[in-house]
Amino acid sequence: MDSPRLPIRRNTVKTKARIVRAAQAAFSEIGYPRAGIRHIAEDAGVAPSLLLQHFGSKANLFEAALLASMTEQELVEGDRATFGERLANKLATNADVALPTMIVLSIGDADACAVSDKILRDYVVGRTAEWLGPPNARSRAMSINMICTGFIVYARKIPTEPVSQHTIDWLARSVQAIVDEC
């Protein structure tokens, strides 16, 4: 007589992390509109129903992927006088830029745009503005975000030619000028 099969116990934390990593890859490579639940679930090695059980919807998964991609803390922990240089070097290398890439590639979908707007407003711009401080903290934070997003689009998504050191230096000076503005 066969013994009854016990249900497979999954590590929920590890499973959710695998799903988020697969979502980050899909959303930053092919964009929110083209990234399907089945594709993400397959890449994560789970059933689509499990993905929806954990996150409820594709938009909720997108928000989780964006939040998990936030790494700006490492930049603001260093010397304020070298922030522009550190940021420019990070964006110019093969460092992970999933957050801005996912946001840029989300513009073709209303749900994803709403999530991106919330993350930008509440986290990216909000936290950067807190770190910058007066005057015009939110405006300066948005300016940094806009310059960096444009740089990422041209350097990573439509690289017509390699990014020159001159351009990297320009980005560093431009961002640093915004940081130092008083």
Protein backbone atom coordinates (compact mmCIF):
# COMPACT_ATOMS: atom_id res chain seq x y z
CA MET A 1 0.00 0.00 0.00
CA ASP A 2 1.35 3.40 -0.99
CA SER A 3 1.74 6.00 1.69
CA PRO A 4 -0.23 9.21 1.19
CA ARG A 5 1.65 11.96 -0.61
CA LEU A 6 2.48 14.87 1.59
CA PRO A 7 2.08 18.33 0.08
CA ILE A 8 5.30 19.97 -1.02
CA ARG A 9 6.21 22.75 1.36
CA ARG A 10 7.69 25.77 -0.32
CA ASN A 11 9.76 28.46 1.26
CA THR A 12 7.44 31.41 0.70
CA VAL A 13 10.14 34.05 1.11
CA LYS A 14 12.49 32.38 -1.37
CA THR A 15 9.67 31.73 -3.82
CA LYS A 16 8.52 35.35 -3.73
CA ALA A 17 12.12 36.53 -4.18
CA ARG A 18 12.52 34.25 -7.22
CA ILE A 19 9.31 35.61 -8.71
CA VAL A 20 10.41 39.22 -8.11
CA ARG A 21 13.82 38.58 -9.73
CA ALA A 22 12.13 37.03 -12.77
CA ALA A 23 9.74 39.97 -12.93
CA GLN A 24 12.57 42.49 -12.70
CA ALA A 25 14.36 40.79 -15.56
CA ALA A 26 11.25 40.69 -17.74
CA PHE A 27 10.08 44.23 -16.95
CA SER A 28 13.56 45.71 -17.52
CA GLU A 29 14.30 43.74 -20.69
CA ILE A 30 11.00 43.66 -22.59
CA GLY A 31 8.84 46.09 -20.62
CA TYR A 32 5.63 45.82 -18.67
CA PRO A 33 3.23 45.58 -21.61
CA ARG A 34 5.07 42.63 -23.18
CA ALA A 35 5.97 40.78 -19.98
CA GLY A 36 3.29 38.17 -19.37
CA ILE A 37 2.40 36.46 -16.12
CA ARG A 38 3.04 33.04 -17.68
CA HIS A 39 6.48 34.10 -18.94
CA ILE A 40 7.48 35.48 -15.54
CA ALA A 41 6.12 32.42 -13.72
CA GLU A 42 8.01 30.09 -16.07
CA ASP A 43 11.26 31.99 -15.53
CA ALA A 44 10.70 31.83 -11.76
CA GLY A 45 9.91 28.11 -11.91
CA VAL A 46 6.41 28.45 -10.47
CA ALA A 47 2.85 28.11 -11.69
CA PRO A 48 1.14 31.33 -12.84
CA SER A 49 -1.51 30.76 -10.18
CA LEU A 50 1.17 30.85 -7.46
CA LEU A 51 2.47 34.15 -8.79
CA LEU A 52 -1.03 35.63 -8.63
CA GLN A 53 -1.59 34.08 -5.20
CA HIS A 54 1.45 35.91 -3.86
CA PHE A 55 0.98 39.25 -5.63
CA GLY A 56 -2.67 39.41 -6.69
CA SER A 57 -2.06 41.10 -10.03
CA LYS A 58 0.59 41.97 -12.56
CA ALA A 59 0.50 45.61 -11.38
CA ASN A 60 1.18 44.53 -7.78
CA LEU A 61 4.06 42.37 -8.98
CA PHE A 62 5.41 45.34 -10.94
CA GLU A 63 5.31 47.49 -7.80
CA ALA A 64 7.13 44.78 -5.81
CA ALA A 65 9.76 44.52 -8.57
CA LEU A 66 10.29 48.29 -8.56
CA LEU A 67 10.58 48.49 -4.78
CA ALA A 68 13.03 45.57 -4.72
CA SER A 69 15.17 47.39 -7.29
CA MET A 70 15.70 50.48 -5.18
CA THR A 71 19.41 50.81 -4.44
CA GLU A 72 19.83 54.56 -4.11
CA GLN A 73 20.71 54.19 -0.44
CA GLU A 74 24.29 53.18 -1.26
CA LEU A 75 24.74 56.39 -3.23
CA VAL A 76 23.51 58.74 -0.52
CA GLU A 77 25.56 57.06 2.20
CA GLY A 78 28.84 58.26 0.68
CA ASP A 79 30.44 61.67 0.62
CA ARG A 80 27.97 64.27 -0.65
CA ALA A 81 30.76 66.04 -2.58
CA THR A 82 31.26 62.99 -4.82
CA PHE A 83 27.62 62.00 -5.35
CA GLY A 84 27.55 63.10 -9.00
CA GLU A 85 30.69 61.13 -9.81
CA ARG A 86 29.45 57.99 -8.04
CA LEU A 87 26.07 58.16 -9.75
CA ALA A 88 27.53 58.81 -13.22
CA ASN A 89 29.98 55.93 -12.83
CA LYS A 90 27.22 53.60 -11.68
CA LEU A 91 25.00 54.49 -14.62
CA ALA A 92 27.87 54.27 -17.14
CA THR A 93 28.96 50.79 -16.08
CA ASN A 94 27.08 47.55 -16.30
CA ALA A 95 25.67 48.16 -12.84
CA ASP A 96 22.07 47.18 -12.26
CA VAL A 97 19.73 49.91 -13.46
CA ALA A 98 16.56 47.84 -13.35
CA LEU A 99 14.50 50.49 -11.54
CA PRO A 100 14.77 53.30 -14.09
CA THR A 101 14.72 50.86 -16.99
CA MET A 102 11.47 49.28 -15.74
CA ILE A 103 9.96 52.74 -15.29
CA VAL A 104 10.96 53.86 -18.80
CA LEU A 105 9.62 50.66 -20.35
CA SER A 106 6.32 50.99 -18.47
CA ILE A 107 5.11 54.06 -20.34
CA GLY A 108 2.99 52.04 -22.75
CA ASP A 109 0.57 50.83 -20.08
CA ALA A 110 -1.76 52.93 -17.93
CA ASP A 111 -1.63 50.59 -14.89
CA ALA A 112 2.16 50.41 -15.00
CA CYS A 113 2.43 54.19 -15.42
CA ALA A 114 0.30 54.70 -12.32
CA VAL A 115 2.54 52.37 -10.32
CA SER A 116 5.69 54.03 -11.71
CA ASP A 117 4.35 57.47 -10.83
CA LYS A 118 3.65 56.36 -7.26
CA ILE A 119 7.13 54.84 -6.83
CA LEU A 120 8.85 57.87 -8.37
CA ARG A 121 6.84 60.36 -6.35
CA ASP A 122 6.88 58.60 -2.99
CA TYR A 123 10.24 56.88 -3.02
CA VAL A 124 12.73 57.98 -5.66
CA VAL A 125 11.99 61.71 -5.75
CA GLY A 126 10.71 61.82 -2.17
CA ARG A 127 13.76 60.17 -0.61
CA THR A 128 16.20 62.05 -2.82
CA ALA A 129 14.49 65.33 -1.90
CA GLU A 130 14.80 64.51 1.80
CA TRP A 131 18.51 63.82 1.34
CA LEU A 132 19.07 66.99 -0.73
CA GLY A 133 17.22 69.31 1.62
CA PRO A 134 16.23 72.91 0.85
CA PRO A 135 16.04 74.86 -1.32
CA ASN A 136 13.71 73.38 -3.95
CA ALA A 137 14.44 69.81 -2.86
CA ARG A 138 11.67 68.10 -4.85
CA SER A 139 12.44 70.06 -7.99
CA ARG A 140 16.15 69.26 -7.70
CA ALA A 141 15.41 65.59 -7.04
CA MET A 142 13.19 65.46 -10.12
CA SER A 143 15.91 67.16 -12.18
CA ILE A 144 18.42 64.50 -11.16
CA ASN A 145 15.91 61.79 -12.01
CA MET A 146 15.18 63.31 -15.43
CA ILE A 147 18.85 63.67 -16.39
CA CYS A 148 19.68 60.15 -15.26
CA THR A 149 16.68 58.60 -16.98
CA GLY A 150 17.65 60.25 -20.25
CA PHE A 151 21.21 59.04 -19.84
CA ILE A 152 20.05 55.46 -19.21
CA VAL A 153 17.76 55.49 -22.24
CA TYR A 154 20.55 56.58 -24.56
CA ALA A 155 23.39 54.63 -22.95
CA ARG A 156 21.53 51.35 -22.38
CA LYS A 157 18.42 51.10 -24.52
CA ILE A 158 19.38 52.90 -27.73
CA PRO A 159 23.17 53.02 -27.62
CA THR A 160 24.07 54.64 -30.92
CA GLU A 161 27.71 54.67 -29.85
CA PRO A 162 29.68 53.90 -26.70
CA VAL A 163 29.34 56.48 -23.95
CA SER A 164 32.46 58.59 -23.87
CA GLN A 165 34.31 59.59 -20.74
CA HIS A 166 33.48 63.19 -21.67
CA THR A 167 29.76 62.37 -21.44
CA ILE A 168 30.20 60.54 -18.13
CA ASP A 169 32.10 63.53 -16.76
CA TRP A 170 29.35 65.87 -18.01
CA LEU A 171 26.71 63.78 -16.22
CA ALA A 172 28.77 63.80 -13.01
CA ARG A 173 29.20 67.60 -13.13
CA SER A 174 25.54 68.19 -14.00
CA VAL A 175 24.22 66.04 -11.18
CA GLN A 176 26.74 67.44 -8.70
CA ALA A 177 25.69 71.00 -9.59
CA ILE A 178 22.10 70.10 -8.71
CA VAL A 179 23.20 68.50 -5.43
CA ASP A 180 25.32 71.53 -4.50
CA GLU A 181 22.66 74.09 -5.42
CA CYS A 182 21.81 76.30 -2.47
